[in-house]
């Protein structure tokens, strides 16, 4: 189970090799509305969520270097940011379980 971190500002969370593919539309079905949004196409990250796993491992989900506008239903790559590679694997597995619970969602984890 994953949950949103409302009113949080995670620091030192970076990419450690785990990512998945889905649409923003389907990701919002699992994680709720985008938490941080920047519509500027020149920004490295345009959409981001701050989440935690059942055991309290915190992580971010973000689009990375799209550098373009994309449709909410378009499948793109989403990165997982954590404090270390162990947290990244936990977050990846938690996202896999969360997507599996929504059978009408298209994803590639």
PDB file of N, CA and C in Angstrom:
ATOM      1  N   UNK A   1       0.839  -1.169   0.000  1.00  0.00           N
ATOM      2  CA  UNK A   1       0.000   0.000   0.000  1.00  0.00           C
ATOM      3  C   UNK A   1       0.889   1.239   0.000  1.00  0.00           C
ATOM      4  N   UNK A   2       0.511   2.199  -0.802  1.00  0.00           N
ATOM      5  CA  UNK A   2       1.230   3.470  -0.838  1.00  0.00           C
ATOM      6  C   UNK A   2       0.298   4.570  -0.367  1.00  0.00           C
ATOM      7  N   UNK A   3       0.886   5.665   0.106  1.00  0.00           N
ATOM      8  CA  UNK A   3       0.057   6.802   0.483  1.00  0.00           C
ATOM      9  C   UNK A   3       0.766   8.095   0.112  1.00  0.00           C
ATOM     10  N   UNK A   4      -0.034   9.112  -0.084  1.00  0.00           N
ATOM     11  CA  UNK A   4       0.476  10.439  -0.421  1.00  0.00           C
ATOM     12  C   UNK A   4       1.064  11.101   0.810  1.00  0.00           C
ATOM     13  N   UNK A   5       2.081  11.893   0.608  1.00  0.00           N
ATOM     14  CA  UNK A   5       2.655  12.698   1.685  1.00  0.00           C
ATOM     15  C   UNK A   5       2.187  14.133   1.483  1.00  0.00           C
ATOM     16  N   UNK A   6       1.101  14.476   2.082  1.00  0.00           N
ATOM     17  CA  UNK A   6       0.566  15.831   1.954  1.00  0.00           C
ATOM     18  C   UNK A   6       1.431  16.800   2.756  1.00  0.00           C
ATOM     19  N   UNK A   7       1.572  18.004   2.241  1.00  0.00           N
ATOM     20  CA  UNK A   7       2.324  19.076   2.923  1.00  0.00           C
ATOM     21  C   UNK A   7       3.749  18.654   3.278  1.00  0.00           C
ATOM     22  N   UNK A   8       4.379  17.964   2.373  1.00  0.00           N
ATOM     23  CA  UNK A   8       5.736  17.497   2.595  1.00  0.00           C
ATOM     24  C   UNK A   8       6.660  18.155   1.574  1.00  0.00           C
ATOM     25  N   UNK A   9       7.926  18.126   1.857  1.00  0.00           N
ATOM     26  CA  UNK A   9       8.920  18.609   0.908  1.00  0.00           C
ATOM     27  C   UNK A   9      10.155  17.725   1.049  1.00  0.00           C
ATOM     28  N   UNK A  10      10.170  16.637   0.319  1.00  0.00           N
ATOM     29  CA  UNK A  10      11.250  15.667   0.427  1.00  0.00           C
ATOM     30  C   UNK A  10      12.546  16.228  -0.146  1.00  0.00           C
ATOM     31  N   UNK A  11      13.626  15.997   0.555  1.00  0.00           N
ATOM     32  CA  UNK A  11      14.951  16.433   0.132  1.00  0.00           C
ATOM     33  C   UNK A  11      15.828  15.210  -0.106  1.00  0.00           C
ATOM     34  N   UNK A  12      16.853  15.369  -0.917  1.00  0.00           N
ATOM     35  CA  UNK A  12      17.850  14.319  -1.146  1.00  0.00           C
ATOM     36  C   UNK A  12      17.265  13.035  -1.717  1.00  0.00           C
ATOM     37  N   UNK A  13      16.220  13.134  -2.487  1.00  0.00           N
ATOM     38  CA  UNK A  13      15.654  11.965  -3.160  1.00  0.00           C
ATOM     39  C   UNK A  13      16.085  12.021  -4.624  1.00  0.00           C
ATOM     40  N   UNK A  14      16.819  10.999  -5.047  1.00  0.00           N
ATOM     41  CA  UNK A  14      17.342  10.966  -6.403  1.00  0.00           C
ATOM     42  C   UNK A  14      16.996   9.641  -7.074  1.00  0.00           C
ATOM     43  N   UNK A  15      17.294   9.576  -8.337  1.00  0.00           N
ATOM     44  CA  UNK A  15      17.017   8.389  -9.149  1.00  0.00           C
ATOM     45  C   UNK A  15      18.069   7.319  -8.888  1.00  0.00           C
ATOM     46  N   UNK A  16      17.606   6.084  -8.631  1.00  0.00           N
ATOM     47  CA  UNK A  16      18.509   4.961  -8.378  1.00  0.00           C
ATOM     48  C   UNK A  16      18.206   3.788  -9.312  1.00  0.00           C
ATOM     49  N   UNK A  17      17.712   4.090 -10.509  1.00  0.00           N
ATOM     50  CA  UNK A  17      17.565   3.062 -11.535  1.00  0.00           C
ATOM     51  C   UNK A  17      16.178   2.473 -11.724  1.00  0.00           C
ATOM     52  N   UNK A  18      15.208   2.824 -10.892  1.00  0.00           N
ATOM     53  CA  UNK A  18      13.867   2.253 -11.042  1.00  0.00           C
ATOM     54  C   UNK A  18      12.918   3.257 -11.694  1.00  0.00           C
ATOM     55  N   UNK A  19      12.216   2.791 -12.699  1.00  0.00           N
ATOM     56  CA  UNK A  19      11.234   3.604 -13.415  1.00  0.00           C
ATOM     57  C   UNK A  19      10.146   2.686 -13.948  1.00  0.00           C
ATOM     58  N   UNK A  20       9.075   3.288 -14.424  1.00  0.00           N
ATOM     59  CA  UNK A  20       7.991   2.516 -15.029  1.00  0.00           C
ATOM     60  C   UNK A  20       7.330   3.380 -16.082  1.00  0.00           C
ATOM     61  N   UNK A  21       6.488   2.766 -16.894  1.00  0.00           N
ATOM     62  CA  UNK A  21       5.789   3.476 -17.963  1.00  0.00           C
ATOM     63  C   UNK A  21       4.289   3.398 -17.752  1.00  0.00           C
ATOM     64  N   UNK A  22       3.650   4.539 -17.839  1.00  0.00           N
ATOM     65  CA  UNK A  22       2.193   4.642 -17.783  1.00  0.00           C
ATOM     66  C   UNK A  22       1.812   6.053 -18.215  1.00  0.00           C
ATOM     67  N   UNK A  23       0.550   6.337 -18.238  1.00  0.00           N
ATOM     68  CA  UNK A  23       0.103   7.691 -18.561  1.00  0.00           C
ATOM     69  C   UNK A  23      -0.093   8.489 -17.275  1.00  0.00           C
ATOM     70  N   UNK A  24      -0.065   9.790 -17.397  1.00  0.00           N
ATOM     71  CA  UNK A  24      -0.346  10.655 -16.250  1.00  0.00           C
ATOM     72  C   UNK A  24      -1.758  10.383 -15.741  1.00  0.00           C
ATOM     73  N   UNK A  25      -2.665  10.178 -16.650  1.00  0.00           N
ATOM     74  CA  UNK A  25      -4.065   9.901 -16.313  1.00  0.00           C
ATOM     75  C   UNK A  25      -4.178   8.656 -15.420  1.00  0.00           C
ATOM     76  N   UNK A  26      -3.506   7.579 -15.798  1.00  0.00           N
ATOM     77  CA  UNK A  26      -3.565   6.346 -15.008  1.00  0.00           C
ATOM     78  C   UNK A  26      -2.781   6.473 -13.704  1.00  0.00           C
ATOM     79  N   UNK A  27      -1.676   7.208 -13.730  1.00  0.00           N
ATOM     80  CA  UNK A  27      -0.903   7.420 -12.510  1.00  0.00           C
ATOM     81  C   UNK A  27      -1.727   8.191 -11.475  1.00  0.00           C
ATOM     82  N   UNK A  28      -2.531   9.139 -11.941  1.00  0.00           N
ATOM     83  CA  UNK A  28      -3.395   9.887 -11.023  1.00  0.00           C
ATOM     84  C   UNK A  28      -4.488   9.005 -10.418  1.00  0.00           C
ATOM     85  N   UNK A  29      -4.890   7.961 -11.105  1.00  0.00           N
ATOM     86  CA  UNK A  29      -5.872   7.030 -10.545  1.00  0.00           C
ATOM     87  C   UNK A  29      -5.288   6.282  -9.349  1.00  0.00           C
ATOM     88  N   UNK A  30      -3.981   6.060  -9.373  1.00  0.00           N
ATOM     89  CA  UNK A  30      -3.309   5.331  -8.299  1.00  0.00           C
ATOM     90  C   UNK A  30      -2.812   6.278  -7.196  1.00  0.00           C
ATOM     91  N   UNK A  31      -2.258   7.417  -7.586  1.00  0.00           N
ATOM     92  CA  UNK A  31      -1.592   8.317  -6.626  1.00  0.00           C
ATOM     93  C   UNK A  31      -2.358   9.596  -6.314  1.00  0.00           C
ATOM     94  N   UNK A  32      -3.480   9.806  -6.966  1.00  0.00           N
ATOM     95  CA  UNK A  32      -4.214  11.050  -6.765  1.00  0.00           C
ATOM     96  C   UNK A  32      -3.688  12.137  -7.684  1.00  0.00           C
ATOM     97  N   UNK A  33      -4.267  13.333  -7.575  1.00  0.00           N
ATOM     98  CA  UNK A  33      -3.851  14.432  -8.453  1.00  0.00           C
ATOM     99  C   UNK A  33      -2.365  14.771  -8.289  1.00  0.00           C
ATOM    100  N   UNK A  34      -1.783  15.288  -9.346  1.00  0.00           N
ATOM    101  CA  UNK A  34      -0.384  15.720  -9.319  1.00  0.00           C
ATOM    102  C   UNK A  34      -0.201  16.677  -8.142  1.00  0.00           C
ATOM    103  N   UNK A  35       0.896  16.513  -7.432  1.00  0.00           N
ATOM    104  CA  UNK A  35       1.160  17.348  -6.264  1.00  0.00           C
ATOM    105  C   UNK A  35       1.935  18.610  -6.636  1.00  0.00           C
ATOM    106  N   UNK A  36       2.861  18.480  -7.559  1.00  0.00           N
ATOM    107  CA  UNK A  36       3.658  19.619  -8.020  1.00  0.00           C
ATOM    108  C   UNK A  36       3.639  19.611  -9.539  1.00  0.00           C
ATOM    109  N   UNK A  37       3.287  20.748 -10.115  1.00  0.00           N
ATOM    110  CA  UNK A  37       3.152  20.836 -11.562  1.00  0.00           C
ATOM    111  C   UNK A  37       3.819  22.102 -12.059  1.00  0.00           C
ATOM    112  N   UNK A  38       4.550  21.986 -13.148  1.00  0.00           N
ATOM    113  CA  UNK A  38       5.137  23.137 -13.823  1.00  0.00           C
ATOM    114  C   UNK A  38       4.906  22.935 -15.312  1.00  0.00           C
ATOM    115  N   UNK A  39       4.073  23.757 -15.909  1.00  0.00           N
ATOM    116  CA  UNK A  39       3.725  23.614 -17.323  1.00  0.00           C
ATOM    117  C   UNK A  39       4.794  24.126 -18.275  1.00  0.00           C
ATOM    118  N   UNK A  40       5.915  24.603 -17.753  1.00  0.00           N
ATOM    119  CA  UNK A  40       7.004  25.099 -18.584  1.00  0.00           C
ATOM    120  C   UNK A  40       7.730  23.907 -19.230  1.00  0.00           C
ATOM    121  N   UNK A  41       7.650  23.792 -20.552  1.00  0.00           N
ATOM    122  CA  UNK A  41       8.253  22.673 -21.279  1.00  0.00           C
ATOM    123  C   UNK A  41       9.775  22.600 -21.130  1.00  0.00           C
ATOM    124  N   UNK A  42      10.402  23.699 -20.713  1.00  0.00           N
ATOM    125  CA  UNK A  42      11.857  23.688 -20.575  1.00  0.00           C
ATOM    126  C   UNK A  42      12.313  23.154 -19.212  1.00  0.00           C
ATOM    127  N   UNK A  43      11.382  22.896 -18.307  1.00  0.00           N
ATOM    128  CA  UNK A  43      11.733  22.365 -16.994  1.00  0.00           C
ATOM    129  C   UNK A  43      12.095  20.878 -17.088  1.00  0.00           C
ATOM    130  N   UNK A  44      13.042  20.439 -16.282  1.00  0.00           N
ATOM    131  CA  UNK A  44      13.469  19.043 -16.270  1.00  0.00           C
ATOM    132  C   UNK A  44      12.333  18.138 -15.775  1.00  0.00           C
ATOM    133  N   UNK A  45      11.600  18.594 -14.773  1.00  0.00           N
ATOM    134  CA  UNK A  45      10.458  17.852 -14.232  1.00  0.00           C
ATOM    135  C   UNK A  45       9.223  18.733 -14.304  1.00  0.00           C
ATOM    136  N   UNK A  46       8.135  18.190 -14.870  1.00  0.00           N
ATOM    137  CA  UNK A  46       6.899  18.957 -14.986  1.00  0.00           C
ATOM    138  C   UNK A  46       5.833  18.492 -13.999  1.00  0.00           C
ATOM    139  N   UNK A  47       5.829  17.214 -13.639  1.00  0.00           N
ATOM    140  CA  UNK A  47       4.815  16.657 -12.739  1.00  0.00           C
ATOM    141  C   UNK A  47       5.486  15.758 -11.710  1.00  0.00           C
ATOM    142  N   UNK A  48       5.029  15.879 -10.444  1.00  0.00           N
ATOM    143  CA  UNK A  48       5.673  15.104  -9.377  1.00  0.00           C
ATOM    144  C   UNK A  48       4.689  14.804  -8.246  1.00  0.00           C
ATOM    145  N   UNK A  49       4.897  13.624  -7.640  1.00  0.00           N
ATOM    146  CA  UNK A  49       4.150  13.192  -6.462  1.00  0.00           C
ATOM    147  C   UNK A  49       5.151  12.855  -5.374  1.00  0.00           C
ATOM    148  N   UNK A  50       4.758  13.037  -4.112  1.00  0.00           N
ATOM    149  CA  UNK A  50       5.541  12.585  -2.966  1.00  0.00           C
ATOM    150  C   UNK A  50       4.723  11.528  -2.245  1.00  0.00           C
ATOM    151  N   UNK A  51       5.308  10.351  -2.051  1.00  0.00           N
ATOM    152  CA  UNK A  51       4.582   9.195  -1.550  1.00  0.00           C
ATOM    153  C   UNK A  51       5.401   8.485  -0.481  1.00  0.00           C
ATOM    154  N   UNK A  52       4.764   7.501   0.170  1.00  0.00           N
ATOM    155  CA  UNK A  52       5.495   6.616   1.078  1.00  0.00           C
ATOM    156  C   UNK A  52       4.922   5.212   0.983  1.00  0.00           C
ATOM    157  N   UNK A  53       5.765   4.240   1.307  1.00  0.00           N
ATOM    158  CA  UNK A  53       5.350   2.845   1.335  1.00  0.00           C
ATOM    159  C   UNK A  53       4.771   2.541   2.714  1.00  0.00           C
ATOM    160  N   UNK A  54       4.260   1.331   2.880  1.00  0.00           N
ATOM    161  CA  UNK A  54       3.698   0.905   4.171  1.00  0.00           C
ATOM    162  C   UNK A  54       4.706   0.995   5.308  1.00  0.00           C
ATOM    163  N   UNK A  55       5.971   0.711   5.008  1.00  0.00           N
ATOM    164  CA  UNK A  55       6.981   0.729   6.071  1.00  0.00           C
ATOM    165  C   UNK A  55       7.579   2.121   6.289  1.00  0.00           C
ATOM    166  N   UNK A  56       7.038   3.139   5.595  1.00  0.00           N
ATOM    167  CA  UNK A  56       7.489   4.512   5.801  1.00  0.00           C
ATOM    168  C   UNK A  56       8.582   4.980   4.865  1.00  0.00           C
ATOM    169  N   UNK A  57       8.982   4.151   3.918  1.00  0.00           N
ATOM    170  CA  UNK A  57       9.976   4.575   2.931  1.00  0.00           C
ATOM    171  C   UNK A  57       9.374   5.659   2.052  1.00  0.00           C
ATOM    172  N   UNK A  58      10.002   6.816   2.027  1.00  0.00           N
ATOM    173  CA  UNK A  58       9.479   7.925   1.229  1.00  0.00           C
ATOM    174  C   UNK A  58      10.082   7.895  -0.165  1.00  0.00           C
ATOM    175  N   UNK A  59       9.285   8.355  -1.137  1.00  0.00           N
ATOM    176  CA  UNK A  59       9.763   8.394  -2.516  1.00  0.00           C
ATOM    177  C   UNK A  59       8.985   9.418  -3.320  1.00  0.00           C
ATOM    178  N   UNK A  60       9.582   9.816  -4.422  1.00  0.00           N
ATOM    179  CA  UNK A  60       8.919  10.705  -5.361  1.00  0.00           C
ATOM    180  C   UNK A  60       8.718   9.971  -6.678  1.00  0.00           C
ATOM    181  N   UNK A  61       7.716  10.389  -7.405  1.00  0.00           N
ATOM    182  CA  UNK A  61       7.455   9.902  -8.761  1.00  0.00           C
ATOM    183  C   UNK A  61       7.444  11.146  -9.641  1.00  0.00           C
ATOM    184  N   UNK A  62       8.196  11.112 -10.716  1.00  0.00           N
ATOM    185  CA  UNK A  62       8.290  12.318 -11.545  1.00  0.00           C
ATOM    186  C   UNK A  62       8.623  11.967 -12.996  1.00  0.00           C
ATOM    187  N   UNK A  63       8.131  12.826 -13.886  1.00  0.00           N
ATOM    188  CA  UNK A  63       8.543  12.713 -15.287  1.00  0.00           C
ATOM    189  C   UNK A  63       9.914  13.380 -15.371  1.00  0.00           C
ATOM    190  N   UNK A  64      10.759  12.916 -16.243  1.00  0.00           N
ATOM    191  CA  UNK A  64      12.126  13.432 -16.287  1.00  0.00           C
ATOM    192  C   UNK A  64      12.545  13.693 -17.729  1.00  0.00           C
ATOM    193  N   UNK A  65      12.902  14.922 -17.970  1.00  0.00           N
ATOM    194  CA  UNK A  65      13.419  15.359 -19.272  1.00  0.00           C
ATOM    195  C   UNK A  65      12.495  15.054 -20.442  1.00  0.00           C
ATOM    196  N   UNK A  66      11.215  15.258 -20.252  1.00  0.00           N
ATOM    197  CA  UNK A  66      10.303  15.151 -21.398  1.00  0.00           C
ATOM    198  C   UNK A  66      10.478  16.374 -22.299  1.00  0.00           C
ATOM    199  N   UNK A  67      10.700  17.528 -21.704  1.00  0.00           N
ATOM    200  CA  UNK A  67      10.932  18.778 -22.425  1.00  0.00           C
ATOM    201  C   UNK A  67       9.915  19.032 -23.535  1.00  0.00           C
ATOM    202  N   UNK A  68       8.657  18.706 -23.254  1.00  0.00           N
ATOM    203  CA  UNK A  68       7.593  18.915 -24.236  1.00  0.00           C
ATOM    204  C   UNK A  68       6.251  18.797 -23.526  1.00  0.00           C
ATOM    205  N   UNK A  69       5.227  19.280 -24.176  1.00  0.00           N
ATOM    206  CA  UNK A  69       3.872  19.050 -23.670  1.00  0.00           C
ATOM    207  C   UNK A  69       3.461  17.645 -24.090  1.00  0.00           C
ATOM    208  N   UNK A  70       2.774  16.953 -23.211  1.00  0.00           N
ATOM    209  CA  UNK A  70       2.268  15.629 -23.567  1.00  0.00           C
ATOM    210  C   UNK A  70       0.841  15.502 -23.045  1.00  0.00           C
ATOM    211  N   UNK A  71       0.083  14.645 -23.711  1.00  0.00           N
ATOM    212  CA  UNK A  71      -1.309  14.435 -23.334  1.00  0.00           C
ATOM    213  C   UNK A  71      -1.390  13.573 -22.083  1.00  0.00           C
ATOM    214  N   UNK A  72      -2.410  13.796 -21.276  1.00  0.00           N
ATOM    215  CA  UNK A  72      -2.588  13.039 -20.033  1.00  0.00           C
ATOM    216  C   UNK A  72      -2.707  11.540 -20.279  1.00  0.00           C
ATOM    217  N   UNK A  73      -3.184  11.140 -21.446  1.00  0.00           N
ATOM    218  CA  UNK A  73      -3.379   9.717 -21.749  1.00  0.00           C
ATOM    219  C   UNK A  73      -2.162   9.082 -22.441  1.00  0.00           C
ATOM    220  N   UNK A  74      -1.137   9.865 -22.732  1.00  0.00           N
ATOM    221  CA  UNK A  74       0.064   9.369 -23.408  1.00  0.00           C
ATOM    222  C   UNK A  74       0.951   8.601 -22.425  1.00  0.00           C
ATOM    223  N   UNK A  75       1.407   7.435 -22.815  1.00  0.00           N
ATOM    224  CA  UNK A  75       2.303   6.645 -21.976  1.00  0.00           C
ATOM    225  C   UNK A  75       3.716   7.213 -22.068  1.00  0.00           C
ATOM    226  N   UNK A  76       4.279   7.536 -20.897  1.00  0.00           N
ATOM    227  CA  UNK A  76       5.650   8.041 -20.831  1.00  0.00           C
ATOM    228  C   UNK A  76       6.376   7.321 -19.691  1.00  0.00           C
ATOM    229  N   UNK A  77       7.653   7.599 -19.560  1.00  0.00           N
ATOM    230  CA  UNK A  77       8.470   7.005 -18.507  1.00  0.00           C
ATOM    231  C   UNK A  77       8.421   7.891 -17.260  1.00  0.00           C
ATOM    232  N   UNK A  78       8.202   7.259 -16.100  1.00  0.00           N
ATOM    233  CA  UNK A  78       8.173   7.949 -14.807  1.00  0.00           C
ATOM    234  C   UNK A  78       9.299   7.403 -13.941  1.00  0.00           C
ATOM    235  N   UNK A  79      10.068   8.291 -13.338  1.00  0.00           N
ATOM    236  CA  UNK A  79      11.183   7.898 -12.478  1.00  0.00           C
ATOM    237  C   UNK A  79      10.746   7.861 -11.024  1.00  0.00           C
ATOM    238  N   UNK A  80      11.418   7.023 -10.253  1.00  0.00           N
ATOM    239  CA  UNK A  80      11.213   6.941  -8.808  1.00  0.00           C
ATOM    240  C   UNK A  80      12.464   7.511  -8.146  1.00  0.00           C
ATOM    241  N   UNK A  81      12.258   8.484  -7.270  1.00  0.00           N
ATOM    242  CA  UNK A  81      13.368   9.080  -6.535  1.00  0.00           C
ATOM    243  C   UNK A  81      13.294   8.705  -5.065  1.00  0.00           C
ATOM    244  N   UNK A  82      14.414   8.266  -4.507  1.00  0.00           N
ATOM    245  CA  UNK A  82      14.478   7.877  -3.098  1.00  0.00           C
ATOM    246  C   UNK A  82      15.828   8.298  -2.519  1.00  0.00           C
ATOM    247  N   UNK A  83      16.008   8.010  -1.240  1.00  0.00           N
ATOM    248  CA  UNK A  83      17.274   8.343  -0.588  1.00  0.00           C
ATOM    249  C   UNK A  83      18.394   7.366  -0.950  1.00  0.00           C
ATOM    250  N   UNK A  84      18.029   6.118  -1.294  1.00  0.00           N
ATOM    251  CA  UNK A  84      19.050   5.123  -1.618  1.00  0.00           C
ATOM    252  C   UNK A  84      18.448   4.037  -2.510  1.00  0.00           C
ATOM    253  N   UNK A  85      19.278   3.131  -2.989  1.00  0.00           N
ATOM    254  CA  UNK A  85      18.811   2.109  -3.934  1.00  0.00           C
ATOM    255  C   UNK A  85      17.864   1.096  -3.285  1.00  0.00           C
ATOM    256  N   UNK A  86      18.010   0.883  -1.980  1.00  0.00           N
ATOM    257  CA  UNK A  86      17.112  -0.054  -1.299  1.00  0.00           C
ATOM    258  C   UNK A  86      15.699   0.517  -1.227  1.00  0.00           C
ATOM    259  N   UNK A  87      15.614   1.811  -0.937  1.00  0.00           N
ATOM    260  CA  UNK A  87      14.318   2.484  -0.923  1.00  0.00           C
ATOM    261  C   UNK A  87      13.700   2.511  -2.310  1.00  0.00           C
ATOM    262  N   UNK A  88      14.537   2.646  -3.316  1.00  0.00           N
ATOM    263  CA  UNK A  88      14.054   2.665  -4.687  1.00  0.00           C
ATOM    264  C   UNK A  88      13.391   1.340  -5.049  1.00  0.00           C
ATOM    265  N   UNK A  89      14.007   0.247  -4.647  1.00  0.00           N
ATOM    266  CA  UNK A  89      13.425  -1.062  -4.936  1.00  0.00           C
ATOM    267  C   UNK A  89      12.112  -1.251  -4.179  1.00  0.00           C
ATOM    268  N   UNK A  90      12.060  -0.829  -2.914  1.00  0.00           N
ATOM    269  CA  UNK A  90      10.825  -0.917  -2.131  1.00  0.00           C
ATOM    270  C   UNK A  90       9.707  -0.104  -2.785  1.00  0.00           C
ATOM    271  N   UNK A  91      10.039   1.107  -3.216  1.00  0.00           N
ATOM    272  CA  UNK A  91       9.044   1.968  -3.853  1.00  0.00           C
ATOM    273  C   UNK A  91       8.560   1.360  -5.166  1.00  0.00           C
ATOM    274  N   UNK A  92       9.478   0.827  -5.941  1.00  0.00           N
ATOM    275  CA  UNK A  92       9.138   0.182  -7.207  1.00  0.00           C
ATOM    276  C   UNK A  92       8.174  -0.981  -6.979  1.00  0.00           C
ATOM    277  N   UNK A  93       8.474  -1.813  -5.999  1.00  0.00           N
ATOM    278  CA  UNK A  93       7.606  -2.953  -5.694  1.00  0.00           C
ATOM    279  C   UNK A  93       6.247  -2.501  -5.173  1.00  0.00           C
ATOM    280  N   UNK A  94       6.221  -1.439  -4.374  1.00  0.00           N
ATOM    281  CA  UNK A  94       4.955  -0.905  -3.859  1.00  0.00           C
ATOM    282  C   UNK A  94       4.107  -0.339  -5.004  1.00  0.00           C
ATOM    283  N   UNK A  95       4.744   0.319  -5.957  1.00  0.00           N
ATOM    284  CA  UNK A  95       4.010   0.841  -7.114  1.00  0.00           C
ATOM    285  C   UNK A  95       3.469  -0.309  -7.956  1.00  0.00           C
ATOM    286  N   UNK A  96       4.243  -1.360  -8.112  1.00  0.00           N
ATOM    287  CA  UNK A  96       3.776  -2.522  -8.870  1.00  0.00           C
ATOM    288  C   UNK A  96       2.509  -3.086  -8.231  1.00  0.00           C
ATOM    289  N   UNK A  97       2.509  -3.240  -6.916  1.00  0.00           N
ATOM    290  CA  UNK A  97       1.324  -3.746  -6.212  1.00  0.00           C
ATOM    291  C   UNK A  97       0.144  -2.791  -6.373  1.00  0.00           C
ATOM    292  N   UNK A  98       0.401  -1.498  -6.256  1.00  0.00           N
ATOM    293  CA  UNK A  98      -0.671  -0.504  -6.367  1.00  0.00           C
ATOM    294  C   UNK A  98      -1.303  -0.525  -7.756  1.00  0.00           C
ATOM    295  N   UNK A  99      -0.489  -0.647  -8.793  1.00  0.00           N
ATOM    296  CA  UNK A  99      -1.031  -0.710 -10.149  1.00  0.00           C
ATOM    297  C   UNK A  99      -1.782  -2.017 -10.373  1.00  0.00           C
ATOM    298  N   UNK A 100      -1.285  -3.082  -9.794  1.00  0.00           N
ATOM    299  CA  UNK A 100      -1.938  -4.379  -9.958  1.00  0.00           C
ATOM    300  C   UNK A 100      -3.358  -4.373  -9.376  1.00  0.00           C
ATOM    301  N   UNK A 101      -3.595  -3.552  -8.372  1.00  0.00           N
ATOM    302  CA  UNK A 101      -4.923  -3.463  -7.751  1.00  0.00           C
ATOM    303  C   UNK A 101      -5.928  -2.702  -8.612  1.00  0.00           C
ATOM    304  N   UNK A 102      -5.456  -2.050  -9.685  1.00  0.00           N
ATOM    305  CA  UNK A 102      -6.317  -1.300 -10.599  1.00  0.00           C
ATOM    306  C   UNK A 102      -6.259  -1.962 -11.971  1.00  0.00           C
ATOM    307  N   UNK A 103      -7.061  -2.994 -12.206  1.00  0.00           N
ATOM    308  CA  UNK A 103      -6.933  -3.785 -13.437  1.00  0.00           C
ATOM    309  C   UNK A 103      -7.255  -3.031 -14.734  1.00  0.00           C
ATOM    310  N   UNK A 104      -7.915  -1.888 -14.671  1.00  0.00           N
ATOM    311  CA  UNK A 104      -8.246  -1.162 -15.901  1.00  0.00           C
ATOM    312  C   UNK A 104      -7.182  -0.127 -16.265  1.00  0.00           C
ATOM    313  N   UNK A 105      -6.052  -0.183 -15.604  1.00  0.00           N
ATOM    314  CA  UNK A 105      -4.971   0.760 -15.847  1.00  0.00           C
ATOM    315  C   UNK A 105      -3.900   0.080 -16.697  1.00  0.00           C
ATOM    316  N   UNK A 106      -3.342   0.833 -17.636  1.00  0.00           N
ATOM    317  CA  UNK A 106      -2.282   0.322 -18.481  1.00  0.00           C
ATOM    318  C   UNK A 106      -0.945   0.793 -17.931  1.00  0.00           C
ATOM    319  N   UNK A 107      -0.024  -0.127 -17.730  1.00  0.00           N
ATOM    320  CA  UNK A 107       1.283   0.211 -17.195  1.00  0.00           C
ATOM    321  C   UNK A 107       2.310  -0.826 -17.604  1.00  0.00           C
ATOM    322  N   UNK A 108       3.564  -0.479 -17.443  1.00  0.00           N
ATOM    323  CA  UNK A 108       4.651  -1.402 -17.725  1.00  0.00           C
ATOM    324  C   UNK A 108       5.670  -1.275 -16.595  1.00  0.00           C
ATOM    325  N   UNK A 109       5.518  -2.172 -15.611  1.00  0.00           N
ATOM    326  CA  UNK A 109       6.438  -2.171 -14.477  1.00  0.00           C
ATOM    327  C   UNK A 109       7.147  -3.514 -14.470  1.00  0.00           C
TER     328      UNK A 109
END
